[in-house]
C-alpha atoms as a PDB file:
ATOM      1  CA  MET A   1      18.254   4.076   9.203  1.00  0.00           C
ATOM      2  CA  VAL A   2      15.392   1.719   9.151  1.00  0.00           C
ATOM      3  CA  LYS A   3      15.388  -0.773   6.180  1.00  0.00           C
ATOM      4  CA  PHE A   4      12.428  -1.749   4.389  1.00  0.00           C
ATOM      5  CA  LYS A   5      10.849  -2.437   1.913  1.00  0.00           C
ATOM      6  CA  PHE A   6       8.193  -0.532  -0.517  1.00  0.00           C
ATOM      7  CA  ILE A   7       5.900  -2.175  -2.525  1.00  0.00           C
ATOM      8  CA  LEU A   8       3.649  -1.231  -5.546  1.00  0.00           C
ATOM      9  CA  PHE A   9       0.675  -3.889  -6.549  1.00  0.00           C
ATOM     10  CA  GLY A  10      -2.877  -3.934  -7.543  1.00  0.00           C
ATOM     11  CA  VAL A  11      -5.313  -4.506 -10.255  1.00  0.00           C
ATOM     12  CA  PRO A  12      -4.090  -2.510 -13.019  1.00  0.00           C
ATOM     13  CA  PHE A  13      -4.838  -4.857 -16.102  1.00  0.00           C
ATOM     14  CA  GLY A  14      -4.279  -7.727 -14.470  1.00  0.00           C
ATOM     15  CA  GLU A  15      -2.809  -8.536 -11.275  1.00  0.00           C
ATOM     16  CA  SER A  16       0.808  -6.350 -11.512  1.00  0.00           C
ATOM     17  CA  PHE A  17       2.877  -5.752  -8.631  1.00  0.00           C
ATOM     18  CA  SER A  18       5.885  -3.818  -8.466  1.00  0.00           C
ATOM     19  CA  GLU A  19       9.807  -5.086  -7.583  1.00  0.00           C
ATOM     20  CA  CYS A  20       9.877  -7.456  -5.255  1.00  0.00           C
ATOM     21  CA  SER A  21       9.926 -11.750  -4.437  1.00  0.00           C
ATOM     22  CA  LYS A  22       8.003 -14.117  -5.241  1.00  0.00           C
ATOM     23  CA  GLU A  23       7.321 -14.550  -1.315  1.00  0.00           C
ATOM     24  CA  ASP A  24       5.854 -11.215  -0.774  1.00  0.00           C
ATOM     25  CA  ARG A  25       3.555 -11.393  -4.216  1.00  0.00           C
ATOM     26  CA  ALA A  26       1.895 -14.862  -2.448  1.00  0.00           C
ATOM     27  CA  VAL A  27       1.150 -12.726   0.732  1.00  0.00           C
ATOM     28  CA  LEU A  28      -0.051  -9.704  -1.086  1.00  0.00           C
ATOM     29  CA  GLY A  29      -2.101 -10.909  -3.568  1.00  0.00           C
ATOM     30  CA  GLN A  30      -4.195 -12.274  -1.078  1.00  0.00           C
ATOM     31  CA  GLU A  31      -5.519  -8.499  -0.776  1.00  0.00           C
ATOM     32  CA  TYR A  32      -6.969  -9.000  -4.547  1.00  0.00           C
ATOM     33  CA  SER A  33     -10.457  -9.339  -3.124  1.00  0.00           C
ATOM     34  CA  PHE A  34     -13.854  -9.085  -4.487  1.00  0.00           C
ATOM     35  CA  GLY A  35     -16.282  -7.109  -1.892  1.00  0.00           C
ATOM     36  CA  GLN A  36     -14.151  -5.165   0.065  1.00  0.00           C
ATOM     37  CA  HIS A  37     -15.280  -1.474   0.039  1.00  0.00           C
ATOM     38  CA  GLY A  38     -13.243   1.645   0.265  1.00  0.00           C
ATOM     39  CA  GLU A  39      -9.988   1.996   1.780  1.00  0.00           C
ATOM     40  CA  GLN A  40      -7.868   0.189   4.578  1.00  0.00           C
ATOM     41  CA  LEU A  41      -4.589  -0.514   6.511  1.00  0.00           C
ATOM     42  CA  HIS A  42      -3.962  -4.016   5.995  1.00  0.00           C
ATOM     43  CA  VAL A  43      -1.664  -5.531   8.966  1.00  0.00           C
ATOM     44  CA  VAL A  44       0.095  -9.261   8.170  1.00  0.00           C
ATOM     45  CA  ARG A  45       2.663 -10.991   9.418  1.00  0.00           C
ATOM     46  CA  HIS A  46       3.756 -13.755   7.911  1.00  0.00           C
ATOM     47  CA  SER A  47       5.798 -16.842   9.519  1.00  0.00           C
ATOM     48  CA  ASN A  48       8.940 -15.426   8.488  1.00  0.00           C
ATOM     49  CA  GLY A  49       8.877 -12.544  10.788  1.00  0.00           C
ATOM     50  CA  ASN A  50       8.058 -10.578   7.777  1.00  0.00           C
ATOM     51  CA  ASN A  51       5.209  -7.627   8.668  1.00  0.00           C
ATOM     52  CA  TYR A  52       3.659  -6.250   5.467  1.00  0.00           C
ATOM     53  CA  TYR A  53       1.647  -3.032   6.078  1.00  0.00           C
ATOM     54  CA  ASN A  54      -1.077  -2.272   3.177  1.00  0.00           C
ATOM     55  CA  TYR A  55      -2.409   0.483   2.433  1.00  0.00           C
ATOM     56  CA  LEU A  56      -5.584  -0.658   0.340  1.00  0.00           C
ATOM     57  CA  MET A  57      -7.378   1.516  -1.981  1.00  0.00           C
ATOM     58  CA  TYR A  58     -10.680  -0.901  -3.426  1.00  0.00           C
ATOM     59  CA  PRO A  59     -13.904   1.340  -5.271  1.00  0.00           C
ATOM     60  CA  LYS A  60     -16.144   3.044  -2.377  1.00  0.00           C
ATOM     61  CA  GLU A  61     -19.531   1.519  -1.861  1.00  0.00           C
ATOM     62  CA  ASN A  62     -21.601   2.391  -5.468  1.00  0.00           C
ATOM     63  CA  GLU A  63     -18.464   3.750  -7.039  1.00  0.00           C
ATOM     64  CA  SER A  64     -16.464   1.565  -9.394  1.00  0.00           C
ATOM     65  CA  PHE A  65     -12.400   1.308  -9.381  1.00  0.00           C
ATOM     66  CA  ASN A  66     -11.627   0.432 -13.162  1.00  0.00           C
ATOM     67  CA  ASP A  67      -8.114  -1.436 -14.571  1.00  0.00           C
ATOM     68  CA  ALA A  68      -6.713   0.397 -17.663  1.00  0.00           C
ATOM     69  CA  ALA A  69      -8.566  -1.608 -19.487  1.00  0.00           C
ATOM     70  CA  GLY A  70     -12.228  -0.084 -18.759  1.00  0.00           C
ATOM     71  CA  ARG A  71     -12.868  -3.361 -16.688  1.00  0.00           C
ATOM     72  CA  LYS A  72     -14.386  -3.286 -12.505  1.00  0.00           C
ATOM     73  CA  GLY A  73     -12.387  -4.553 -10.307  1.00  0.00           C
ATOM     74  CA  ALA A  74      -9.123  -3.080 -10.095  1.00  0.00           C
ATOM     75  CA  PHE A  75      -8.135  -2.248  -6.867  1.00  0.00           C
ATOM     76  CA  PHE A  76      -4.313  -0.573  -5.664  1.00  0.00           C
ATOM     77  CA  GLY A  77      -2.281  -0.929  -3.012  1.00  0.00           C
ATOM     78  CA  MET A  78       0.839   0.293  -1.010  1.00  0.00           C
ATOM     79  CA  SER A  79       2.616  -1.559   1.542  1.00  0.00           C
ATOM     80  CA  VAL A  80       5.908  -1.194   3.307  1.00  0.00           C
ATOM     81  CA  VAL A  81       7.529  -3.983   4.300  1.00  0.00           C
ATOM     82  CA  LEU A  82       9.735  -4.503   8.004  1.00  0.00           C
ATOM     83  CA  ASN A  83      11.525  -7.746   9.239  1.00  0.00           C
ATOM     84  CA  ASN A  84      10.527  -7.953  13.144  1.00  0.00           C
ATOM     85  CA  GLN A  85       9.799  -4.531  13.495  1.00  0.00           C
ATOM     86  CA  VAL A  86       6.901  -2.814  14.144  1.00  0.00           C
ATOM     87  CA  ILE A  87       4.649   0.541  13.530  1.00  0.00           C
ATOM     88  CA  ALA A  88       3.461   2.138  16.632  1.00  0.00           C
ATOM     89  CA  ASP A  89       1.731   4.373  14.872  1.00  0.00           C
ATOM     90  CA  THR A  90      -1.257   3.130  12.518  1.00  0.00           C
ATOM     91  CA  ASP A  91      -2.742   6.772  12.449  1.00  0.00           C
ATOM     92  CA  LYS A  92       0.016   8.542  11.755  1.00  0.00           C
ATOM     93  CA  LEU A  93       1.297   5.919   9.080  1.00  0.00           C
ATOM     94  CA  ILE A  94      -2.123   6.009   6.898  1.00  0.00           C
ATOM     95  CA  LYS A  95      -2.287   9.557   7.277  1.00  0.00           C
ATOM     96  CA  LEU A  96       2.004   8.846   5.205  1.00  0.00           C
ATOM     97  CA  PHE A  97      -0.022   6.840   3.140  1.00  0.00           C
ATOM     98  CA  LYS A  98      -2.610   8.684   2.482  1.00  0.00           C
ATOM     99  CA  LYS A  99      -0.662  12.192   1.644  1.00  0.00           C
ATOM    100  CA  THR A 100       1.482   9.967  -0.718  1.00  0.00           C
ATOM    101  CA  TYR A 101      -1.622   8.861  -2.760  1.00  0.00           C
ATOM    102  CA  GLN A 102      -2.453  12.261  -3.347  1.00  0.00           C
ATOM    103  CA  ASP A 103       0.974  13.670  -3.988  1.00  0.00           C
ATOM    104  CA  TYR A 104       2.166  10.816  -5.962  1.00  0.00           C
ATOM    105  CA  VAL A 105      -0.555   8.220  -7.351  1.00  0.00           C
ATOM    106  CA  LYS A 106      -4.048  10.906  -7.949  1.00  0.00           C
ATOM    107  CA  ASP A 107      -3.407  11.495 -11.242  1.00  0.00           C
ATOM    108  CA  LYS A 108      -0.470  10.033 -12.537  1.00  0.00           C
ATOM    109  CA  LEU A 109      -1.202   6.417 -11.648  1.00  0.00           C
ATOM    110  CA  ILE A 110      -4.306   5.867 -10.971  1.00  0.00           C
ATOM    111  CA  LYS A 111      -6.941   8.657 -12.721  1.00  0.00           C
ATOM    112  CA  GLU A 112     -10.318  10.355 -10.378  1.00  0.00           C
ATOM    113  CA  TYR A 113     -13.240  11.038 -11.961  1.00  0.00           C
ATOM    114  CA  PRO A 114     -15.004  14.032 -10.012  1.00  0.00           C
ATOM    115  CA  ASN A 115     -17.795  11.164  -9.489  1.00  0.00           C
ATOM    116  CA  GLY A 116     -15.896   9.703  -7.355  1.00  0.00           C
ATOM    117  CA  ASN A 117     -14.898   6.729  -9.637  1.00  0.00           C
ATOM    118  CA  LYS A 118     -10.869   5.441 -10.487  1.00  0.00           C
ATOM    119  CA  ARG A 119      -9.354   4.335 -13.146  1.00  0.00           C
ATOM    120  CA  PHE A 120      -6.126   3.056 -13.203  1.00  0.00           C
ATOM    121  CA  MET A 121      -4.065   4.984 -16.297  1.00  0.00           C
ATOM    122  CA  VAL A 122      -1.111   2.223 -16.424  1.00  0.00           C
ATOM    123  CA  SER A 123      -1.334  -1.210 -17.775  1.00  0.00           C
ATOM    124  CA  GLN A 124       1.382  -2.597 -15.302  1.00  0.00           C
ATOM    125  CA  LEU A 125       2.805  -1.668 -11.313  1.00  0.00           C
ATOM    126  CA  ARG A 126       5.923  -3.325 -12.633  1.00  0.00           C
ATOM    127  CA  SER A 127       8.141  -1.148 -15.006  1.00  0.00           C
ATOM    128  CA  LYS A 128      11.368  -1.230 -16.813  1.00  0.00           C
ATOM    129  CA  ASP A 129      14.008   0.384 -13.411  1.00  0.00           C
ATOM    130  CA  ASP A 130      10.616   0.170 -11.759  1.00  0.00           C
ATOM    131  CA  ILE A 131      10.501   3.638 -11.762  1.00  0.00           C
ATOM    132  CA  PHE A 132       6.971   3.653 -10.930  1.00  0.00           C
ATOM    133  CA  ALA A 133       7.939   2.492  -6.964  1.00  0.00           C
ATOM    134  CA  ASN A 134      10.914   4.147  -7.371  1.00  0.00           C
ATOM    135  CA  TYR A 135       8.802   7.223  -7.085  1.00  0.00           C
ATOM    136  CA  VAL A 136       5.837   6.626  -5.361  1.00  0.00           C
ATOM    137  CA  GLY A 137       8.483   5.251  -2.817  1.00  0.00           C
ATOM    138  CA  LYS A 138      11.337   8.331  -2.965  1.00  0.00           C
ATOM    139  CA  GLY A 139       7.700  10.497  -3.053  1.00  0.00           C
ATOM    140  CA  PHE A 140       6.999   8.656   0.479  1.00  0.00           C
ATOM    141  CA  MET A 141      10.012   9.206   2.007  1.00  0.00           C
ATOM    142  CA  SER A 142      10.691  12.870   1.100  1.00  0.00           C
ATOM    143  CA  ILE A 143       6.682  13.399   2.725  1.00  0.00           C
ATOM    144  CA  MET A 144       8.434  12.210   5.821  1.00  0.00           C
ATOM    145  CA  ASN A 145      11.320  14.294   5.471  1.00  0.00           C
ATOM    146  CA  LYS A 146       9.819  17.234   5.018  1.00  0.00           C
ATOM    147  CA  ASN A 147       7.124  16.309   7.325  1.00  0.00           C
ATOM    148  CA  PRO A 148       8.166  15.615  11.409  1.00  0.00           C
ATOM    149  CA  GLU A 149       5.368  14.859  12.598  1.00  0.00           C
ATOM    150  CA  LEU A 150       4.798  12.325  10.254  1.00  0.00           C
ATOM    151  CA  ASN A 151       7.445   9.997  10.522  1.00  0.00           C
ATOM    152  CA  VAL A 152       6.635   6.345  11.309  1.00  0.00           C
ATOM    153  CA  PHE A 153      10.135   5.217  11.379  1.00  0.00           C
ATOM    154  CA  HIS A 154       9.730   7.786  14.573  1.00  0.00           C
ATOM    155  CA  ASN A 155       8.026   5.379  16.388  1.00  0.00           C
ATOM    156  CA  ILE A 156       8.892   1.820  15.195  1.00  0.00           C
ATOM    157  CA  LYS A 157       9.365  -1.505  17.635  1.00  0.00           C
ATOM    158  CA  THR A 158      11.267  -4.127  16.883  1.00  0.00           C
ATOM    159  CA  VAL A 159       9.744  -6.850  19.588  1.00  0.00           C
ATOM    160  CA  PRO A 160       9.892 -10.487  19.457  1.00  0.00           C
ATOM    161  CA  SER A 161       8.066 -12.669  17.128  1.00  0.00           C
ATOM    162  CA  GLN A 162       5.457 -14.184  20.186  1.00  0.00           C
ATOM    163  CA  MET A 163       4.383 -10.758  21.009  1.00  0.00           C
ATOM    164  CA  GLN A 164       3.730  -9.496  17.386  1.00  0.00           C
ATOM    165  CA  GLN A 165       0.667 -11.917  17.403  1.00  0.00           C
ATOM    166  CA  GLY A 166      -1.683  -9.457  19.018  1.00  0.00           C
ATOM    167  CA  ILE A 167      -0.018  -6.559  17.128  1.00  0.00           C
ATOM    168  CA  LEU A 168      -0.561  -7.692  13.983  1.00  0.00           C
ATOM    169  CA  MET A 169      -3.404  -9.290  11.823  1.00  0.00           C
ATOM    170  CA  GLN A 170      -4.974  -5.989  11.644  1.00  0.00           C
ATOM    171  CA  ARG A 171      -8.273  -5.084   8.681  1.00  0.00           C
ATOM    172  CA  ILE A 172      -7.950  -0.969   9.648  1.00  0.00           C
ATOM    173  CA  PRO A 173     -10.436   1.333   7.786  1.00  0.00           C
ATOM    174  CA  VAL A 174      -9.007   4.387   6.455  1.00  0.00           C
ATOM    175  CA  ARG A 175     -11.340   7.246   7.059  1.00  0.00           C
END
């Protein structure tokens, strides 16, 4: 079994993170970036050996993503964090994140409207017993178990840190 962390983060009513370390918050907080649009996978390497696979949802061009109070400028992210390991098939990971969003986030944590606009339905992503991240994280695992073609953990590679630089630090648009 692959050891990993699953973290939810974004701006539901100010910056918010599910249960994670201060170090994780510092890395993931850098995704709070004005001017980003659409969905993307951002792969980030930290000096401690952690590799962050961040699925990010920003407003699409000419649409809005509002926080729980209705203010524009929100975004949402899910992160899989591995230590000194890389996911070889990022296309498969993107499909898994998209399905996780559709099945476990949409209309549960984030309301989507017919015009494409989005709005958070919750004001914080960290909750008692970290219920939101546990629910979405278990959904992520359930989707992999039910759909072996989406099991990204079959494509995990342990790579020496000096070789990871060329693999990581990418921003991949999601279509």
